[in-house]
Amino acid sequence: MKPDTRAFSLLELVVALAIAATLAAYAIPSYLAHIAKAHRTDAASALFRAAQFAGSAAHADGAPLPSGLDQAPQGGRAIYRLRILPADDTNGGYALEAQPLDNGPMADDACGTFILDATGLRSNRGTAASDECWSAR
């Protein structure tokens, strides 16, 4: 009688698990970085949409942003909260900020809070460089 050759040996199983673990060790951090970058891009896009509203005649001083423009992403669970900051001598009439929620996935992000003012100046309150945070690449 021939031995059953349809089963995996223990060595083959260990090698397959080692390969899967190595792939996961590289894939998971890359995936998480991609998700964070997508959230940052969404926050920047939401600021530009809100700037169109704030720059229009429909905006009255001190008026809050309407529903849908007050968060990023625009629909679904909020990750960033947007608000209009008061005018001062340097921001050209208004500034908008997208602040990550304290209990959200971007709470500890190096980019921190995104800021866009009426003059088009983009900045961040965080440890990362603004160019890195606002880049869509």
Protein backbone atom coordinates (compact mmCIF):
# COMPACT_ATOMS: atom_id res chain seq x y z
CA MET A 1 0.00 0.00 0.00
CA LYS A 2 1.29 3.51 -0.93
CA PRO A 3 1.49 6.25 1.71
CA ASP A 4 -1.01 9.10 1.41
CA THR A 5 0.82 11.95 -0.42
CA ARG A 6 -2.01 14.47 -0.46
CA ALA A 7 -1.19 16.08 2.91
CA PHE A 8 1.22 18.89 3.73
CA SER A 9 4.24 18.15 5.83
CA LEU A 10 4.89 20.22 8.94
CA LEU A 11 7.95 21.78 7.28
CA GLU A 12 5.90 22.94 4.28
CA LEU A 13 3.32 24.47 6.59
CA VAL A 14 5.98 26.33 8.61
CA VAL A 15 7.60 27.69 5.43
CA ALA A 16 4.23 28.89 4.11
CA LEU A 17 3.46 30.62 7.44
CA ALA A 18 6.90 32.28 7.49
CA ILE A 19 6.35 33.66 3.98
CA ALA A 20 2.88 34.94 4.92
CA ALA A 21 4.22 36.58 8.09
CA THR A 22 7.03 38.30 6.14
CA LEU A 23 4.57 39.64 3.58
CA ALA A 24 2.25 40.89 6.33
CA ALA A 25 5.16 42.61 8.11
CA TYR A 26 5.74 44.75 5.01
CA ALA A 27 2.17 45.08 3.75
CA ILE A 28 0.37 46.20 6.92
CA PRO A 29 2.51 49.32 7.66
CA SER A 30 2.33 50.30 3.99
CA TYR A 31 -1.44 49.90 4.02
CA LEU A 32 -1.78 52.00 7.20
CA ALA A 33 0.41 54.74 5.69
CA HIS A 34 -1.79 54.74 2.58
CA ILE A 35 -4.94 55.10 4.71
CA ALA A 36 -3.41 58.02 6.67
CA LYS A 37 -2.41 59.73 3.42
CA ALA A 38 -5.96 59.30 2.08
CA HIS A 39 -7.38 60.90 5.26
CA ARG A 40 -4.96 63.85 4.90
CA THR A 41 -5.94 64.32 1.26
CA ASP A 42 -9.60 64.24 2.23
CA ALA A 43 -9.01 66.90 4.91
CA ALA A 44 -7.21 69.15 2.42
CA SER A 45 -10.01 68.71 -0.13
CA ALA A 46 -12.62 69.53 2.51
CA LEU A 47 -10.75 72.74 3.36
CA PHE A 48 -10.77 73.81 -0.29
CA ARG A 49 -14.53 73.11 -0.53
CA ALA A 50 -15.12 75.09 2.66
CA ALA A 51 -12.94 77.93 1.32
CA GLN A 52 -15.22 78.21 -1.70
CA PHE A 53 -18.15 78.61 0.68
CA ALA A 54 -16.34 81.03 3.01
CA GLY A 55 -15.18 83.18 0.12
CA SER A 56 -18.65 83.51 -1.35
CA ALA A 57 -21.19 86.18 -0.51
CA ALA A 58 -23.24 83.57 1.37
CA HIS A 59 -20.78 83.63 4.25
CA ALA A 60 -21.53 86.00 7.09
CA ASP A 61 -18.89 86.83 9.69
CA GLY A 62 -18.89 84.24 12.47
CA ALA A 63 -21.35 81.92 10.71
CA PRO A 64 -20.53 78.24 11.17
CA LEU A 65 -19.97 76.01 8.19
CA PRO A 66 -23.10 74.22 6.98
CA SER A 67 -23.61 70.52 7.55
CA GLY A 68 -21.46 68.49 5.18
CA LEU A 69 -18.78 71.19 4.96
CA ASP A 70 -18.04 71.00 8.68
CA GLN A 71 -16.33 67.62 8.59
CA ALA A 72 -14.04 65.42 6.55
CA PRO A 73 -14.97 63.15 4.97
CA GLN A 74 -18.07 64.98 3.82
CA GLY A 75 -20.33 61.99 4.46
CA GLY A 76 -20.03 59.19 6.98
CA ARG A 77 -18.06 59.12 10.21
CA ALA A 78 -16.08 62.33 10.77
CA ILE A 79 -12.30 62.09 11.06
CA TYR A 80 -11.60 65.84 10.92
CA ARG A 81 -13.80 68.67 12.19
CA LEU A 82 -13.69 71.90 10.13
CA ARG A 83 -14.36 75.39 11.41
CA ILE A 84 -13.89 79.00 10.38
CA LEU A 85 -11.35 80.96 12.41
CA PRO A 86 -11.83 84.72 12.97
CA ALA A 87 -10.23 87.28 10.70
CA ASP A 88 -6.93 88.86 11.67
CA ASP A 89 -4.29 91.05 10.04
CA THR A 90 -2.49 88.17 8.32
CA ASN A 91 -5.14 85.73 7.09
CA GLY A 92 -6.89 87.92 4.51
CA GLY A 93 -10.34 87.80 6.08
CA TYR A 94 -10.76 84.26 7.33
CA ALA A 95 -8.93 81.03 7.99
CA LEU A 96 -10.24 77.50 8.01
CA GLU A 97 -8.93 74.64 10.08
CA ALA A 98 -9.41 70.89 9.88
CA GLN A 99 -8.67 69.43 13.28
CA PRO A 100 -8.46 65.66 13.76
CA LEU A 101 -10.95 64.30 16.27
CA ASP A 102 -9.42 63.26 19.58
CA ASN A 103 -10.91 59.77 19.37
CA GLY A 104 -10.33 59.32 15.62
CA PRO A 105 -7.69 57.45 13.65
CA MET A 106 -5.70 60.64 12.90
CA ALA A 107 -5.52 61.93 16.49
CA ASP A 108 -1.78 61.21 16.76
CA ASP A 109 -0.89 62.16 13.18
CA ALA A 110 2.31 64.17 12.73
CA CYS A 111 0.51 66.65 10.46
CA GLY A 112 -1.91 67.66 13.20
CA THR A 113 -4.39 70.38 12.30
CA PHE A 114 -4.58 71.64 8.69
CA ILE A 115 -5.04 75.41 8.20
CA LEU A 116 -5.98 77.26 5.01
CA ASP A 117 -6.50 81.03 4.97
CA ALA A 118 -8.10 83.43 2.50
CA THR A 119 -4.72 84.31 0.97
CA GLY A 120 -4.17 80.65 0.04
CA LEU A 121 -1.49 80.06 2.67
CA ARG A 122 -1.48 76.41 3.77
CA SER A 123 0.02 75.35 7.09
CA ASN A 124 -0.20 72.75 9.82
CA ARG A 125 -0.08 72.61 13.59
CA GLY A 126 2.00 69.48 13.94
CA THR A 127 5.54 68.15 13.81
CA ALA A 128 5.62 67.27 10.09
CA ALA A 129 6.50 69.72 7.33
CA SER A 130 3.51 71.39 5.66
CA ASP A 131 4.67 70.39 2.19
CA GLU A 132 4.67 66.75 3.23
CA CYS A 133 1.19 66.98 4.70
CA TRP A 134 -0.47 68.85 1.82
CA SER A 135 1.21 66.82 -0.93
CA ALA A 136 -1.06 64.50 -2.89
CA ARG A 137 1.85 62.38 -4.06
